[in-house]
């Protein structure tokens, strides 16, 4: 069985910029460009981007949303003001971790 690897909308730009690509999470993503030293220099002197378009997004609403987040995440979600974000982990029922995520309010 052949699995189709997906590509983000930035894939053509990654290729134009000479990215060395690899499969990650079902997507063909850039692993590196010209090398770590040169990439560091460019980011420090100009700009850099990180293609997050392969990552999922979901929105929670309703009276039970905060309670579900407080039960599931390692950080408290209740103290976030509108426009704030925090890095956190989503816990699994067995005590492990489903994934890391950024929670926005």
PDB file of N, CA and C in Angstrom:
ATOM      1  N   UNK A   1       0.832  -1.175   0.000  1.00  0.00           N
ATOM      2  CA  UNK A   1       0.000   0.000   0.000  1.00  0.00           C
ATOM      3  C   UNK A   1       0.883   1.247   0.000  1.00  0.00           C
ATOM      4  N   UNK A   2       0.670   2.141  -0.926  1.00  0.00           N
ATOM      5  CA  UNK A   2       1.433   3.373  -1.037  1.00  0.00           C
ATOM      6  C   UNK A   2       0.677   4.508  -0.366  1.00  0.00           C
ATOM      7  N   UNK A   3       1.366   5.224   0.501  1.00  0.00           N
ATOM      8  CA  UNK A   3       0.768   6.374   1.171  1.00  0.00           C
ATOM      9  C   UNK A   3       1.219   7.639   0.462  1.00  0.00           C
ATOM     10  N   UNK A   4       0.268   8.486   0.140  1.00  0.00           N
ATOM     11  CA  UNK A   4       0.588   9.755  -0.513  1.00  0.00           C
ATOM     12  C   UNK A   4       1.114  10.737   0.529  1.00  0.00           C
ATOM     13  N   UNK A   5       2.279  11.301   0.278  1.00  0.00           N
ATOM     14  CA  UNK A   5       2.834  12.325   1.147  1.00  0.00           C
ATOM     15  C   UNK A   5       2.248  13.657   0.708  1.00  0.00           C
ATOM     16  N   UNK A   6       1.746  14.417   1.666  1.00  0.00           N
ATOM     17  CA  UNK A   6       1.127  15.706   1.361  1.00  0.00           C
ATOM     18  C   UNK A   6       2.187  16.790   1.302  1.00  0.00           C
ATOM     19  N   UNK A   7       1.812  17.900   0.687  1.00  0.00           N
ATOM     20  CA  UNK A   7       2.696  19.063   0.592  1.00  0.00           C
ATOM     21  C   UNK A   7       1.932  20.303   1.029  1.00  0.00           C
ATOM     22  N   UNK A   8       2.604  21.172   1.770  1.00  0.00           N
ATOM     23  CA  UNK A   8       1.977  22.419   2.188  1.00  0.00           C
ATOM     24  C   UNK A   8       2.015  23.414   1.034  1.00  0.00           C
ATOM     25  N   UNK A   9       1.307  24.511   1.188  1.00  0.00           N
ATOM     26  CA  UNK A   9       1.291  25.527   0.131  1.00  0.00           C
ATOM     27  C   UNK A   9       2.646  26.216  -0.013  1.00  0.00           C
ATOM     28  N   UNK A  10       3.524  26.080   0.978  1.00  0.00           N
ATOM     29  CA  UNK A  10       4.869  26.660   0.884  1.00  0.00           C
ATOM     30  C   UNK A  10       5.883  25.718   0.230  1.00  0.00           C
ATOM     31  N   UNK A  11       5.469  24.528  -0.151  1.00  0.00           N
ATOM     32  CA  UNK A  11       6.378  23.552  -0.753  1.00  0.00           C
ATOM     33  C   UNK A  11       7.153  24.130  -1.943  1.00  0.00           C
ATOM     34  N   UNK A  12       6.490  24.795  -2.910  1.00  0.00           N
ATOM     35  CA  UNK A  12       7.258  25.350  -4.040  1.00  0.00           C
ATOM     36  C   UNK A  12       8.337  26.343  -3.596  1.00  0.00           C
ATOM     37  N   UNK A  13       8.040  27.151  -2.586  1.00  0.00           N
ATOM     38  CA  UNK A  13       9.037  28.097  -2.082  1.00  0.00           C
ATOM     39  C   UNK A  13      10.203  27.355  -1.434  1.00  0.00           C
ATOM     40  N   UNK A  14       9.908  26.337  -0.651  1.00  0.00           N
ATOM     41  CA  UNK A  14      10.977  25.540  -0.039  1.00  0.00           C
ATOM     42  C   UNK A  14      11.903  24.979  -1.118  1.00  0.00           C
ATOM     43  N   UNK A  15      11.317  24.444  -2.185  1.00  0.00           N
ATOM     44  CA  UNK A  15      12.131  23.864  -3.267  1.00  0.00           C
ATOM     45  C   UNK A  15      12.949  24.945  -3.976  1.00  0.00           C
ATOM     46  N   UNK A  16      12.323  26.096  -4.243  1.00  0.00           N
ATOM     47  CA  UNK A  16      13.026  27.204  -4.898  1.00  0.00           C
ATOM     48  C   UNK A  16      14.224  27.654  -4.072  1.00  0.00           C
ATOM     49  N   UNK A  17      14.075  27.636  -2.758  1.00  0.00           N
ATOM     50  CA  UNK A  17      15.151  28.057  -1.856  1.00  0.00           C
ATOM     51  C   UNK A  17      16.170  26.952  -1.587  1.00  0.00           C
ATOM     52  N   UNK A  18      16.007  25.808  -2.252  1.00  0.00           N
ATOM     53  CA  UNK A  18      16.989  24.731  -2.159  1.00  0.00           C
ATOM     54  C   UNK A  18      16.872  23.847  -0.933  1.00  0.00           C
ATOM     55  N   UNK A  19      15.682  23.741  -0.379  1.00  0.00           N
ATOM     56  CA  UNK A  19      15.498  22.928   0.827  1.00  0.00           C
ATOM     57  C   UNK A  19      15.751  21.452   0.561  1.00  0.00           C
ATOM     58  N   UNK A  20      16.389  20.815   1.536  1.00  0.00           N
ATOM     59  CA  UNK A  20      16.483  19.361   1.557  1.00  0.00           C
ATOM     60  C   UNK A  20      15.230  18.896   2.286  1.00  0.00           C
ATOM     61  N   UNK A  21      14.380  18.117   1.623  1.00  0.00           N
ATOM     62  CA  UNK A  21      13.066  17.764   2.148  1.00  0.00           C
ATOM     63  C   UNK A  21      13.090  16.386   2.809  1.00  0.00           C
ATOM     64  N   UNK A  22      12.166  16.205   3.768  1.00  0.00           N
ATOM     65  CA  UNK A  22      11.989  14.923   4.438  1.00  0.00           C
ATOM     66  C   UNK A  22      10.514  14.736   4.775  1.00  0.00           C
ATOM     67  N   UNK A  23      10.107  13.495   5.000  1.00  0.00           N
ATOM     68  CA  UNK A  23       8.716  13.222   5.387  1.00  0.00           C
ATOM     69  C   UNK A  23       8.579  13.428   6.891  1.00  0.00           C
ATOM     70  N   UNK A  24       7.554  14.174   7.285  1.00  0.00           N
ATOM     71  CA  UNK A  24       7.268  14.409   8.697  1.00  0.00           C
ATOM     72  C   UNK A  24       5.760  14.486   8.881  1.00  0.00           C
ATOM     73  N   UNK A  25       5.208  13.567   9.639  1.00  0.00           N
ATOM     74  CA  UNK A  25       3.777  13.599   9.921  1.00  0.00           C
ATOM     75  C   UNK A  25       2.908  13.505   8.687  1.00  0.00           C
ATOM     76  N   UNK A  26       3.387  12.807   7.673  1.00  0.00           N
ATOM     77  CA  UNK A  26       2.606  12.655   6.450  1.00  0.00           C
ATOM     78  C   UNK A  26       2.787  13.779   5.449  1.00  0.00           C
ATOM     79  N   UNK A  27       3.675  14.726   5.752  1.00  0.00           N
ATOM     80  CA  UNK A  27       3.936  15.854   4.859  1.00  0.00           C
ATOM     81  C   UNK A  27       5.402  15.862   4.452  1.00  0.00           C
ATOM     82  N   UNK A  28       5.676  16.359   3.264  1.00  0.00           N
ATOM     83  CA  UNK A  28       7.043  16.575   2.817  1.00  0.00           C
ATOM     84  C   UNK A  28       7.449  17.960   3.306  1.00  0.00           C
ATOM     85  N   UNK A  29       8.385  17.996   4.260  1.00  0.00           N
ATOM     86  CA  UNK A  29       8.751  19.237   4.933  1.00  0.00           C
ATOM     87  C   UNK A  29      10.246  19.506   4.779  1.00  0.00           C
ATOM     88  N   UNK A  30      10.662  20.784   4.863  1.00  0.00           N
ATOM     89  CA  UNK A  30      12.084  21.105   4.744  1.00  0.00           C
ATOM     90  C   UNK A  30      12.854  20.665   5.982  1.00  0.00           C
ATOM     91  N   UNK A  31      13.973  20.027   5.759  1.00  0.00           N
ATOM     92  CA  UNK A  31      14.853  19.602   6.842  1.00  0.00           C
ATOM     93  C   UNK A  31      15.960  20.633   7.052  1.00  0.00           C
ATOM     94  N   UNK A  32      16.497  21.119   5.944  1.00  0.00           N
ATOM     95  CA  UNK A  32      17.537  22.147   6.016  1.00  0.00           C
ATOM     96  C   UNK A  32      17.642  22.822   4.654  1.00  0.00           C
ATOM     97  N   UNK A  33      18.352  23.927   4.648  1.00  0.00           N
ATOM     98  CA  UNK A  33      18.576  24.661   3.403  1.00  0.00           C
ATOM     99  C   UNK A  33      20.070  24.655   3.101  1.00  0.00           C
ATOM    100  N   UNK A  34      20.745  25.761   3.310  1.00  0.00           N
ATOM    101  CA  UNK A  34      22.155  25.860   2.936  1.00  0.00           C
ATOM    102  C   UNK A  34      23.104  25.324   4.003  1.00  0.00           C
ATOM    103  N   UNK A  35      22.607  25.064   5.176  1.00  0.00           N
ATOM    104  CA  UNK A  35      23.433  24.597   6.286  1.00  0.00           C
ATOM    105  C   UNK A  35      23.131  25.412   7.531  1.00  0.00           C
ATOM    106  N   UNK A  36      23.383  24.835   8.679  1.00  0.00           N
ATOM    107  CA  UNK A  36      22.957  25.448   9.933  1.00  0.00           C
ATOM    108  C   UNK A  36      23.610  26.806  10.198  1.00  0.00           C
ATOM    109  N   UNK A  37      24.874  26.965   9.880  1.00  0.00           N
ATOM    110  CA  UNK A  37      25.565  28.236  10.129  1.00  0.00           C
ATOM    111  C   UNK A  37      25.001  29.330   9.230  1.00  0.00           C
ATOM    112  N   UNK A  38      24.865  29.034   7.954  1.00  0.00           N
ATOM    113  CA  UNK A  38      24.314  30.026   7.015  1.00  0.00           C
ATOM    114  C   UNK A  38      22.861  30.342   7.351  1.00  0.00           C
ATOM    115  N   UNK A  39      22.079  29.346   7.698  1.00  0.00           N
ATOM    116  CA  UNK A  39      20.676  29.585   8.068  1.00  0.00           C
ATOM    117  C   UNK A  39      20.597  30.471   9.311  1.00  0.00           C
ATOM    118  N   UNK A  40      21.445  30.218  10.286  1.00  0.00           N
ATOM    119  CA  UNK A  40      21.487  31.048  11.495  1.00  0.00           C
ATOM    120  C   UNK A  40      21.824  32.493  11.133  1.00  0.00           C
ATOM    121  N   UNK A  41      22.817  32.684  10.285  1.00  0.00           N
ATOM    122  CA  UNK A  41      23.225  34.029   9.876  1.00  0.00           C
ATOM    123  C   UNK A  41      22.078  34.764   9.194  1.00  0.00           C
ATOM    124  N   UNK A  42      21.388  34.086   8.282  1.00  0.00           N
ATOM    125  CA  UNK A  42      20.282  34.715   7.556  1.00  0.00           C
ATOM    126  C   UNK A  42      19.152  35.101   8.508  1.00  0.00           C
ATOM    127  N   UNK A  43      18.804  34.219   9.424  1.00  0.00           N
ATOM    128  CA  UNK A  43      17.728  34.532  10.377  1.00  0.00           C
ATOM    129  C   UNK A  43      18.121  35.712  11.254  1.00  0.00           C
ATOM    130  N   UNK A  44      19.380  35.779  11.670  1.00  0.00           N
ATOM    131  CA  UNK A  44      19.824  36.887  12.528  1.00  0.00           C
ATOM    132  C   UNK A  44      19.920  38.203  11.770  1.00  0.00           C
ATOM    133  N   UNK A  45      20.264  38.163  10.489  1.00  0.00           N
ATOM    134  CA  UNK A  45      20.458  39.405   9.736  1.00  0.00           C
ATOM    135  C   UNK A  45      19.242  39.816   8.920  1.00  0.00           C
ATOM    136  N   UNK A  46      18.336  38.904   8.657  1.00  0.00           N
ATOM    137  CA  UNK A  46      17.162  39.228   7.832  1.00  0.00           C
ATOM    138  C   UNK A  46      15.915  38.667   8.506  1.00  0.00           C
ATOM    139  N   UNK A  47      15.492  37.496   8.094  1.00  0.00           N
ATOM    140  CA  UNK A  47      14.288  36.884   8.673  1.00  0.00           C
ATOM    141  C   UNK A  47      14.274  35.397   8.365  1.00  0.00           C
ATOM    142  N   UNK A  48      13.436  34.682   9.088  1.00  0.00           N
ATOM    143  CA  UNK A  48      13.231  33.265   8.849  1.00  0.00           C
ATOM    144  C   UNK A  48      11.778  32.931   9.093  1.00  0.00           C
ATOM    145  N   UNK A  49      11.316  31.862   8.482  1.00  0.00           N
ATOM    146  CA  UNK A  49       9.952  31.387   8.727  1.00  0.00           C
ATOM    147  C   UNK A  49      10.009  29.898   9.055  1.00  0.00           C
ATOM    148  N   UNK A  50       9.007  29.448   9.774  1.00  0.00           N
ATOM    149  CA  UNK A  50       8.865  28.026  10.059  1.00  0.00           C
ATOM    150  C   UNK A  50       7.481  27.628   9.586  1.00  0.00           C
ATOM    151  N   UNK A  51       7.408  26.710   8.662  1.00  0.00           N
ATOM    152  CA  UNK A  51       6.147  26.293   8.039  1.00  0.00           C
ATOM    153  C   UNK A  51       5.367  25.401   9.001  1.00  0.00           C
ATOM    154  N   UNK A  52       4.319  25.958   9.598  1.00  0.00           N
ATOM    155  CA  UNK A  52       3.469  25.216  10.528  1.00  0.00           C
ATOM    156  C   UNK A  52       2.167  24.752   9.886  1.00  0.00           C
ATOM    157  N   UNK A  53       2.034  24.933   8.596  1.00  0.00           N
ATOM    158  CA  UNK A  53       0.747  24.655   7.951  1.00  0.00           C
ATOM    159  C   UNK A  53       0.392  23.175   7.917  1.00  0.00           C
ATOM    160  N   UNK A  54       1.318  22.298   8.282  1.00  0.00           N
ATOM    161  CA  UNK A  54       1.010  20.867   8.362  1.00  0.00           C
ATOM    162  C   UNK A  54       0.377  20.493   9.704  1.00  0.00           C
ATOM    163  N   UNK A  55       0.349  21.430  10.628  1.00  0.00           N
ATOM    164  CA  UNK A  55      -0.160  21.131  11.968  1.00  0.00           C
ATOM    165  C   UNK A  55      -1.668  21.355  12.049  1.00  0.00           C
ATOM    166  N   UNK A  56      -2.308  20.627  12.927  1.00  0.00           N
ATOM    167  CA  UNK A  56      -3.754  20.723  13.088  1.00  0.00           C
ATOM    168  C   UNK A  56      -4.171  21.929  13.912  1.00  0.00           C
ATOM    169  N   UNK A  57      -5.444  22.258  13.796  1.00  0.00           N
ATOM    170  CA  UNK A  57      -6.014  23.359  14.562  1.00  0.00           C
ATOM    171  C   UNK A  57      -7.449  23.003  14.897  1.00  0.00           C
ATOM    172  N   UNK A  58      -7.853  23.269  16.121  1.00  0.00           N
ATOM    173  CA  UNK A  58      -9.252  23.069  16.478  1.00  0.00           C
ATOM    174  C   UNK A  58      -9.674  24.150  17.455  1.00  0.00           C
ATOM    175  N   UNK A  59     -10.967  24.394  17.490  1.00  0.00           N
ATOM    176  CA  UNK A  59     -11.537  25.454  18.314  1.00  0.00           C
ATOM    177  C   UNK A  59     -12.572  24.856  19.258  1.00  0.00           C
ATOM    178  N   UNK A  60     -12.492  25.239  20.516  1.00  0.00           N
ATOM    179  CA  UNK A  60     -13.448  24.767  21.516  1.00  0.00           C
ATOM    180  C   UNK A  60     -14.347  25.919  21.934  1.00  0.00           C
ATOM    181  N   UNK A  61     -15.625  25.634  22.054  1.00  0.00           N
ATOM    182  CA  UNK A  61     -16.599  26.628  22.501  1.00  0.00           C
ATOM    183  C   UNK A  61     -17.571  25.960  23.455  1.00  0.00           C
ATOM    184  N   UNK A  62     -18.250  26.768  24.238  1.00  0.00           N
ATOM    185  CA  UNK A  62     -19.311  26.249  25.087  1.00  0.00           C
ATOM    186  C   UNK A  62     -18.961  26.284  26.558  1.00  0.00           C
ATOM    187  N   UNK A  63     -19.960  25.984  27.364  1.00  0.00           N
ATOM    188  CA  UNK A  63     -19.833  26.067  28.820  1.00  0.00           C
ATOM    189  C   UNK A  63     -18.809  25.095  29.395  1.00  0.00           C
ATOM    190  N   UNK A  64     -18.595  23.968  28.759  1.00  0.00           N
ATOM    191  CA  UNK A  64     -17.683  22.947  29.291  1.00  0.00           C
ATOM    192  C   UNK A  64     -16.271  23.042  28.719  1.00  0.00           C
ATOM    193  N   UNK A  65     -16.008  24.005  27.838  1.00  0.00           N
ATOM    194  CA  UNK A  65     -14.704  24.088  27.173  1.00  0.00           C
ATOM    195  C   UNK A  65     -13.564  24.277  28.172  1.00  0.00           C
ATOM    196  N   UNK A  66     -13.689  25.235  29.082  1.00  0.00           N
ATOM    197  CA  UNK A  66     -12.609  25.488  30.040  1.00  0.00           C
ATOM    198  C   UNK A  66     -12.382  24.278  30.946  1.00  0.00           C
ATOM    199  N   UNK A  67     -13.447  23.666  31.419  1.00  0.00           N
ATOM    200  CA  UNK A  67     -13.307  22.487  32.285  1.00  0.00           C
ATOM    201  C   UNK A  67     -12.588  21.356  31.552  1.00  0.00           C
ATOM    202  N   UNK A  68     -12.896  21.154  30.277  1.00  0.00           N
ATOM    203  CA  UNK A  68     -12.226  20.115  29.493  1.00  0.00           C
ATOM    204  C   UNK A  68     -10.740  20.431  29.348  1.00  0.00           C
ATOM    205  N   UNK A  69     -10.414  21.699  29.076  1.00  0.00           N
ATOM    206  CA  UNK A  69      -9.010  22.088  28.946  1.00  0.00           C
ATOM    207  C   UNK A  69      -8.263  21.910  30.265  1.00  0.00           C
ATOM    208  N   UNK A  70      -8.875  22.308  31.361  1.00  0.00           N
ATOM    209  CA  UNK A  70      -8.239  22.169  32.675  1.00  0.00           C
ATOM    210  C   UNK A  70      -8.000  20.697  33.019  1.00  0.00           C
ATOM    211  N   UNK A  71      -8.866  19.821  32.559  1.00  0.00           N
ATOM    212  CA  UNK A  71      -8.728  18.383  32.809  1.00  0.00           C
ATOM    213  C   UNK A  71      -7.667  17.751  31.911  1.00  0.00           C
ATOM    214  N   UNK A  72      -7.504  18.266  30.711  1.00  0.00           N
ATOM    215  CA  UNK A  72      -6.690  17.620  29.685  1.00  0.00           C
ATOM    216  C   UNK A  72      -5.277  18.176  29.557  1.00  0.00           C
ATOM    217  N   UNK A  73      -5.083  19.469  29.818  1.00  0.00           N
ATOM    218  CA  UNK A  73      -3.791  20.117  29.592  1.00  0.00           C
ATOM    219  C   UNK A  73      -2.959  20.180  30.871  1.00  0.00           C
ATOM    220  N   UNK A  74      -1.642  20.294  30.713  1.00  0.00           N
ATOM    221  CA  UNK A  74      -0.759  20.366  31.876  1.00  0.00           C
ATOM    222  C   UNK A  74      -0.704  21.756  32.489  1.00  0.00           C
ATOM    223  N   UNK A  75      -1.029  22.788  31.736  1.00  0.00           N
ATOM    224  CA  UNK A  75      -1.048  24.159  32.251  1.00  0.00           C
ATOM    225  C   UNK A  75      -2.483  24.615  32.435  1.00  0.00           C
ATOM    226  N   UNK A  76      -2.670  25.578  33.329  1.00  0.00           N
ATOM    227  CA  UNK A  76      -4.001  26.138  33.540  1.00  0.00           C
ATOM    228  C   UNK A  76      -4.369  27.055  32.379  1.00  0.00           C
ATOM    229  N   UNK A  77      -5.543  26.839  31.815  1.00  0.00           N
ATOM    230  CA  UNK A  77      -6.011  27.659  30.698  1.00  0.00           C
ATOM    231  C   UNK A  77      -6.824  28.851  31.176  1.00  0.00           C
ATOM    232  N   UNK A  78      -7.317  28.809  32.403  1.00  0.00           N
ATOM    233  CA  UNK A  78      -8.240  29.818  32.894  1.00  0.00           C
ATOM    234  C   UNK A  78      -7.652  31.198  33.088  1.00  0.00           C
ATOM    235  N   UNK A  79      -6.342  31.296  33.249  1.00  0.00           N
ATOM    236  CA  UNK A  79      -5.728  32.599  33.494  1.00  0.00           C
ATOM    237  C   UNK A  79      -5.387  33.367  32.224  1.00  0.00           C
ATOM    238  N   UNK A  80      -5.521  32.759  31.065  1.00  0.00           N
ATOM    239  CA  UNK A  80      -5.173  33.437  29.815  1.00  0.00           C
ATOM    240  C   UNK A  80      -6.168  34.545  29.501  1.00  0.00           C
ATOM    241  N   UNK A  81      -5.648  35.708  29.150  1.00  0.00           N
ATOM    242  CA  UNK A  81      -6.493  36.809  28.690  1.00  0.00           C
ATOM    243  C   UNK A  81      -6.664  36.695  27.177  1.00  0.00           C
ATOM    244  N   UNK A  82      -7.659  37.355  26.646  1.00  0.00           N
ATOM    245  CA  UNK A  82      -7.856  37.361  25.197  1.00  0.00           C
ATOM    246  C   UNK A  82      -6.574  37.823  24.507  1.00  0.00           C
ATOM    247  N   UNK A  83      -6.175  37.102  23.469  1.00  0.00           N
ATOM    248  CA  UNK A  83      -4.969  37.436  22.720  1.00  0.00           C
ATOM    249  C   UNK A  83      -3.706  36.792  23.263  1.00  0.00           C
ATOM    250  N   UNK A  84      -3.768  36.118  24.402  1.00  0.00           N
ATOM    251  CA  UNK A  84      -2.591  35.454  24.961  1.00  0.00           C
ATOM    252  C   UNK A  84      -2.510  34.007  24.481  1.00  0.00           C
ATOM    253  N   UNK A  85      -1.309  33.447  24.606  1.00  0.00           N
ATOM    254  CA  UNK A  85      -1.072  32.059  24.212  1.00  0.00           C
ATOM    255  C   UNK A  85      -0.111  31.430  25.208  1.00  0.00           C
ATOM    256  N   UNK A  86      -0.123  30.104  25.281  1.00  0.00           N
ATOM    257  CA  UNK A  86       0.848  29.388  26.106  1.00  0.00           C
ATOM    258  C   UNK A  86       1.120  28.012  25.516  1.00  0.00           C
ATOM    259  N   UNK A  87       2.346  27.577  25.692  1.00  0.00           N
ATOM    260  CA  UNK A  87       2.764  26.237  25.282  1.00  0.00           C
ATOM    261  C   UNK A  87       2.330  25.266  26.370  1.00  0.00           C
ATOM    262  N   UNK A  88       1.789  24.122  25.988  1.00  0.00           N
ATOM    263  CA  UNK A  88       1.319  23.152  26.969  1.00  0.00           C
ATOM    264  C   UNK A  88       1.327  21.752  26.364  1.00  0.00           C
ATOM    265  N   UNK A  89       0.989  20.769  27.161  1.00  0.00           N
ATOM    266  CA  UNK A  89       0.896  19.380  26.712  1.00  0.00           C
ATOM    267  C   UNK A  89      -0.529  18.883  26.881  1.00  0.00           C
ATOM    268  N   UNK A  90      -0.969  18.037  25.956  1.00  0.00           N
ATOM    269  CA  UNK A  90      -2.275  17.391  26.068  1.00  0.00           C
ATOM    270  C   UNK A  90      -2.049  15.984  26.604  1.00  0.00           C
ATOM    271  N   UNK A  91      -2.624  15.715  27.772  1.00  0.00           N
ATOM    272  CA  UNK A  91      -2.418  14.439  28.451  1.00  0.00           C
ATOM    273  C   UNK A  91      -3.329  13.344  27.904  1.00  0.00           C
ATOM    274  N   UNK A  92      -2.818  12.138  27.929  1.00  0.00           N
ATOM    275  CA  UNK A  92      -3.597  10.956  27.569  1.00  0.00           C
ATOM    276  C   UNK A  92      -4.186  10.363  28.846  1.00  0.00           C
ATOM    277  N   UNK A  93      -5.231   9.582  28.697  1.00  0.00           N
ATOM    278  CA  UNK A  93      -5.887   8.961  29.857  1.00  0.00           C
ATOM    279  C   UNK A  93      -4.942   8.063  30.648  1.00  0.00           C
ATOM    280  N   UNK A  94      -3.944   7.461  29.985  1.00  0.00           N
ATOM    281  CA  UNK A  94      -3.017   6.556  30.675  1.00  0.00           C
ATOM    282  C   UNK A  94      -1.870   7.293  31.364  1.00  0.00           C
ATOM    283  N   UNK A  95      -1.910   8.627  31.348  1.00  0.00           N
ATOM    284  CA  UNK A  95      -0.870   9.420  31.990  1.00  0.00           C
ATOM    285  C   UNK A  95       0.231   9.856  31.052  1.00  0.00           C
ATOM    286  N   UNK A  96       0.220   9.367  29.832  1.00  0.00           N
ATOM    287  CA  UNK A  96       1.199   9.785  28.840  1.00  0.00           C
ATOM    288  C   UNK A  96       0.794  11.104  28.199  1.00  0.00           C
ATOM    289  N   UNK A  97       1.436  11.416  27.107  1.00  0.00           N
ATOM    290  CA  UNK A  97       1.169  12.661  26.398  1.00  0.00           C
ATOM    291  C   UNK A  97       0.671  12.359  24.998  1.00  0.00           C
ATOM    292  N   UNK A  98      -0.436  12.987  24.615  1.00  0.00           N
ATOM    293  CA  UNK A  98      -0.907  12.887  23.234  1.00  0.00           C
ATOM    294  C   UNK A  98      -0.014  13.719  22.326  1.00  0.00           C
ATOM    295  N   UNK A  99       0.205  14.999  22.710  1.00  0.00           N
ATOM    296  CA  UNK A  99       0.971  15.902  21.856  1.00  0.00           C
ATOM    297  C   UNK A  99       1.241  17.190  22.618  1.00  0.00           C
ATOM    298  N   UNK A 100       2.185  17.961  22.104  1.00  0.00           N
ATOM    299  CA  UNK A 100       2.370  19.309  22.619  1.00  0.00           C
ATOM    300  C   UNK A 100       1.571  20.251  21.736  1.00  0.00           C
ATOM    301  N   UNK A 101       1.209  21.393  22.281  1.00  0.00           N
ATOM    302  CA  UNK A 101       0.399  22.336  21.515  1.00  0.00           C
ATOM    303  C   UNK A 101       0.552  23.737  22.064  1.00  0.00           C
ATOM    304  N   UNK A 102       0.069  24.688  21.309  1.00  0.00           N
ATOM    305  CA  UNK A 102      -0.003  26.071  21.754  1.00  0.00           C
ATOM    306  C   UNK A 102      -1.474  26.411  21.890  1.00  0.00           C
ATOM    307  N   UNK A 103      -1.854  26.826  23.084  1.00  0.00           N
ATOM    308  CA  UNK A 103      -3.234  27.183  23.387  1.00  0.00           C
ATOM    309  C   UNK A 103      -3.380  28.693  23.246  1.00  0.00           C
ATOM    310  N   UNK A 104      -4.326  29.119  22.432  1.00  0.00           N
ATOM    311  CA  UNK A 104      -4.608  30.546  22.224  1.00  0.00           C
ATOM    312  C   UNK A 104      -5.972  30.876  22.799  1.00  0.00           C
ATOM    313  N   UNK A 105      -6.089  32.070  23.361  1.00  0.00           N
ATOM    314  CA  UNK A 105      -7.400  32.539  23.792  1.00  0.00           C
ATOM    315  C   UNK A 105      -7.733  33.799  23.037  1.00  0.00           C
TER     316      UNK A 105
END
